Amino acid sequence: MTDLIGLLHRERNLDKVIDFVNKKYGPPESLMLELPSDWRKNTENIGDKDTFFYVLAKEYESRGSQIIAGDLNRIVHSPPLSKKATEIEKKIRNKDFEYETNFDGFKDLAILMSEIIRYKTIKNYNLLSSKKGEIRNSGFLTALNSSDPEVIIIGDHHAQYLKIHRPELKYTYLHHNTLFDNWAFHSNSFFFKTIEPDFIHFNN
């Protein structure tokens, strides 16, 4: 049976998540994460610095786990970068910061800043769309049905969707006992939670 772990993905909690997985599973044979299908090419986007699941993928793939990309429809929420911003991002990745004049460097910086604002504005708007949310969540279900992983670790909103559609999954909410996480947990429970987890594991 597949174990489903929902959580609030904050990078400060990564060590606790890894410790939990190590103690319960060692390196799992197969691990589905909240990653797009092209995650190997897209480890860090200038518009979205959330690298939480990329770190988990690197950690467990290096230890023999098969990594399964679960977020197949992420594009419905995350807009593509403009061509110019993609070129600048490539320069950053390659550490190619050579400019003929300071003005050229400032011009690229201004383009990046405006692109990040555009990206976040569109993404936040998309996140409010229940239709787009349903499309994105359906990608997780498709990935699960086609791969049958040993363990799934994804954001709790997506985890609830999978539990509703696959009620046989053993669903654990991984709760981190910090002020922010406690606030987020109770807020989400009041406003958004649609199904209760089978277990709540408290990480102190």
Protein backbone atom coordinates (compact mmCIF):
# COMPACT_ATOMS: atom_id res chain seq x y z
CA MET A 1 0.00 0.00 0.00
CA THR A 2 1.21 3.49 -0.86
CA ASP A 3 1.91 5.86 2.04
CA LEU A 4 0.75 9.44 1.39
CA ILE A 5 2.42 12.28 3.30
CA GLY A 6 0.97 15.78 3.15
CA LEU A 7 2.83 18.75 4.55
CA LEU A 8 3.49 22.45 4.45
CA HIS A 9 6.68 22.64 2.40
CA ARG A 10 9.03 25.12 3.99
CA GLU A 11 12.76 24.71 3.46
CA ARG A 12 13.53 25.28 7.14
CA ASN A 13 11.71 21.99 7.85
CA LEU A 14 13.64 19.90 5.31
CA ASP A 15 15.96 18.25 7.84
CA LYS A 16 12.97 17.14 9.93
CA VAL A 17 11.22 15.71 6.88
CA ILE A 18 14.33 13.78 5.84
CA ASP A 19 14.76 12.51 9.40
CA PHE A 20 11.14 11.30 9.46
CA VAL A 21 11.47 9.50 6.11
CA ASN A 22 14.79 7.93 7.09
CA LYS A 23 13.42 6.54 10.34
CA LYS A 24 10.22 5.19 8.80
CA TYR A 25 11.34 3.98 5.37
CA GLY A 26 15.10 4.31 5.04
CA PRO A 27 15.42 5.31 1.41
CA PRO A 28 12.04 4.29 -0.09
CA GLU A 29 12.16 2.13 -3.17
CA SER A 30 10.08 4.68 -5.08
CA LEU A 31 9.15 8.22 -4.06
CA MET A 32 6.63 10.51 -5.75
CA LEU A 33 7.23 14.22 -5.16
CA GLU A 34 5.64 17.54 -6.09
CA LEU A 35 7.86 17.96 -9.14
CA PRO A 36 7.06 18.79 -12.78
CA SER A 37 7.84 16.21 -15.41
CA ASP A 38 10.87 18.25 -16.61
CA TRP A 39 12.26 18.72 -13.10
CA ARG A 40 15.78 17.69 -14.08
CA LYS A 41 16.00 20.69 -16.43
CA ASN A 42 14.16 23.08 -14.16
CA THR A 43 15.72 22.77 -10.73
CA GLU A 44 15.34 26.44 -9.93
CA ASN A 45 13.12 29.02 -11.60
CA ILE A 46 13.82 32.71 -11.04
CA GLY A 47 10.11 33.30 -10.52
CA ASP A 48 9.67 30.53 -7.98
CA LYS A 49 12.47 29.78 -5.54
CA ASP A 50 10.75 26.85 -3.80
CA THR A 51 13.42 24.13 -4.08
CA PHE A 52 12.01 21.96 -1.27
CA PHE A 53 11.10 18.96 -3.42
CA TYR A 54 14.23 19.25 -5.57
CA VAL A 55 16.33 18.82 -2.43
CA LEU A 56 14.32 15.74 -1.45
CA ALA A 57 14.71 14.32 -4.97
CA LYS A 58 18.48 14.79 -4.91
CA GLU A 59 18.75 13.31 -1.41
CA TYR A 60 16.86 10.11 -2.14
CA GLU A 61 17.86 9.54 -5.74
CA SER A 62 21.49 9.55 -4.59
CA ARG A 63 20.52 6.78 -2.17
CA GLY A 64 18.82 4.60 -4.76
CA SER A 65 15.19 5.72 -4.67
CA GLN A 66 13.27 5.97 -7.93
CA ILE A 67 12.00 9.56 -8.11
CA ILE A 68 8.57 10.02 -9.69
CA ALA A 69 7.40 13.44 -10.84
CA GLY A 70 3.86 13.91 -9.54
CA ASP A 71 3.06 17.50 -10.50
CA LEU A 72 2.38 16.75 -14.16
CA ASN A 73 0.05 19.71 -14.71
CA ARG A 74 1.98 22.38 -12.82
CA ILE A 75 2.04 24.62 -15.89
CA VAL A 76 -1.63 25.55 -15.32
CA HIS A 77 -0.51 27.51 -12.24
CA SER A 78 3.07 28.45 -13.13
CA PRO A 79 3.31 30.56 -16.29
CA PRO A 80 6.33 30.13 -18.59
CA LEU A 81 9.07 32.74 -18.42
CA SER A 82 9.48 35.19 -21.28
CA LYS A 83 12.16 34.41 -23.87
CA LYS A 84 14.37 37.30 -22.70
CA ALA A 85 14.07 36.30 -19.02
CA THR A 86 14.93 32.71 -19.94
CA GLU A 87 18.10 33.95 -21.67
CA ILE A 88 19.09 35.99 -18.61
CA GLU A 89 18.35 33.04 -16.34
CA LYS A 90 20.69 30.92 -18.46
CA LYS A 91 23.42 33.53 -17.96
CA ILE A 92 22.88 33.34 -14.20
CA ARG A 93 23.05 29.54 -14.20
CA ASN A 94 26.30 29.65 -16.21
CA LYS A 95 27.66 32.49 -14.02
CA ASP A 96 28.11 34.57 -17.15
CA PHE A 97 27.97 38.06 -15.67
CA GLU A 98 30.21 39.80 -18.21
CA TYR A 99 28.61 43.01 -19.53
CA GLU A 100 30.12 45.65 -21.79
CA THR A 101 28.68 48.44 -19.65
CA ASN A 102 27.05 48.73 -16.24
CA PHE A 103 23.95 49.95 -18.01
CA ASP A 104 23.60 46.58 -19.79
CA GLY A 105 23.80 44.80 -16.45
CA PHE A 106 21.19 47.09 -14.85
CA LYS A 107 18.94 46.60 -17.88
CA ASP A 108 18.98 42.82 -17.42
CA LEU A 109 18.35 43.26 -13.70
CA ALA A 110 15.32 45.46 -14.43
CA ILE A 111 13.97 42.85 -16.86
CA LEU A 112 14.38 40.13 -14.26
CA MET A 113 12.64 42.14 -11.54
CA SER A 114 9.66 42.94 -13.77
CA GLU A 115 9.48 39.30 -14.92
CA ILE A 116 9.41 38.03 -11.33
CA ILE A 117 6.57 40.44 -10.50
CA ARG A 118 4.66 39.36 -13.64
CA TYR A 119 5.26 35.67 -12.87
CA LYS A 120 4.07 35.91 -9.26
CA THR A 121 1.03 38.00 -10.19
CA ILE A 122 -0.15 35.49 -12.80
CA LYS A 123 0.64 32.51 -10.57
CA ASN A 124 -1.25 33.95 -7.60
CA TYR A 125 -4.23 34.68 -9.86
CA ASN A 126 -4.12 31.14 -11.21
CA LEU A 127 -4.01 29.70 -7.70
CA LEU A 128 -7.41 31.28 -7.03
CA SER A 129 -8.97 29.35 -9.91
CA SER A 130 -10.74 26.20 -8.69
CA LYS A 131 -10.87 24.92 -12.28
CA LYS A 132 -7.10 25.24 -12.69
CA GLY A 133 -6.65 23.67 -9.24
CA GLU A 134 -8.71 20.67 -10.33
CA ILE A 135 -6.63 20.31 -13.50
CA ARG A 136 -3.38 20.50 -11.56
CA ASN A 137 -4.53 18.02 -8.91
CA SER A 138 -5.66 15.56 -11.58
CA GLY A 139 -2.02 15.38 -12.70
CA PHE A 140 -1.03 13.97 -9.29
CA LEU A 141 -3.74 11.31 -9.60
CA THR A 142 -2.54 10.37 -13.10
CA ALA A 143 1.05 10.03 -11.84
CA LEU A 144 -0.08 7.91 -8.89
CA ASN A 145 -2.24 5.58 -10.98
CA SER A 146 0.53 4.99 -13.51
CA SER A 147 3.41 4.44 -11.06
CA ASP A 148 2.11 3.05 -7.73
CA PRO A 149 4.97 4.53 -5.61
CA GLU A 150 5.90 3.30 -2.15
CA VAL A 151 5.76 6.82 -0.67
CA ILE A 152 4.26 10.14 -1.81
CA ILE A 153 5.36 13.48 -0.31
CA ILE A 154 3.42 16.52 -1.55
CA GLY A 155 1.74 19.67 -0.30
CA ASP A 156 -1.22 18.90 1.93
CA HIS A 157 -3.84 20.43 -0.38
CA HIS A 158 -2.79 17.99 -3.12
CA ALA A 159 -2.56 15.14 -0.60
CA GLN A 160 -6.19 15.66 0.40
CA TYR A 161 -7.25 15.43 -3.26
CA LEU A 162 -5.45 12.10 -3.65
CA LYS A 163 -6.98 10.73 -0.44
CA ILE A 164 -10.48 11.63 -1.64
CA HIS A 165 -9.95 9.87 -4.97
CA ARG A 166 -7.89 6.99 -3.58
CA PRO A 167 -9.32 6.45 -0.06
CA GLU A 168 -7.23 3.31 0.50
CA LEU A 169 -4.06 5.45 0.73
CA LYS A 170 -2.57 5.73 4.22
CA TYR A 171 -2.55 9.52 4.64
CA THR A 172 -0.25 11.13 7.21
CA TYR A 173 -0.09 14.87 7.83
CA LEU A 174 3.46 15.81 8.81
CA HIS A 175 3.04 18.67 11.25
CA HIS A 176 5.98 20.86 12.32
CA ASN A 177 5.58 22.37 15.75
CA THR A 178 6.54 25.98 15.03
CA LEU A 179 4.49 29.15 15.48
CA PHE A 180 3.99 29.64 11.73
CA ASP A 181 3.22 25.98 11.04
CA ASN A 182 0.71 25.81 13.89
CA TRP A 183 -1.03 28.92 12.55
CA ALA A 184 -1.06 27.55 8.99
CA PHE A 185 -2.32 24.14 10.14
CA HIS A 186 -5.27 25.56 12.08
CA SER A 187 -6.09 28.12 9.36
CA ASN A 188 -6.06 25.45 6.66
CA SER A 189 -8.13 23.12 8.84
CA PHE A 190 -10.77 25.82 9.30
CA PHE A 191 -10.92 27.25 5.77
CA PHE A 192 -9.71 24.58 3.35
CA LYS A 193 -9.51 21.09 4.83
CA THR A 194 -11.87 18.69 3.11
CA ILE A 195 -10.77 15.38 4.61
CA GLU A 196 -9.04 14.33 7.82
CA PRO A 197 -5.68 12.54 7.72
CA ASP A 198 -5.41 8.99 9.04
CA PHE A 199 -2.47 10.08 11.19
CA ILE A 200 -0.88 13.34 12.30
CA HIS A 201 2.85 13.11 13.03
CA PHE A 202 4.19 16.00 15.11
CA ASN A 203 7.78 17.02 14.44
CA ASN A 204 9.15 19.03 17.37
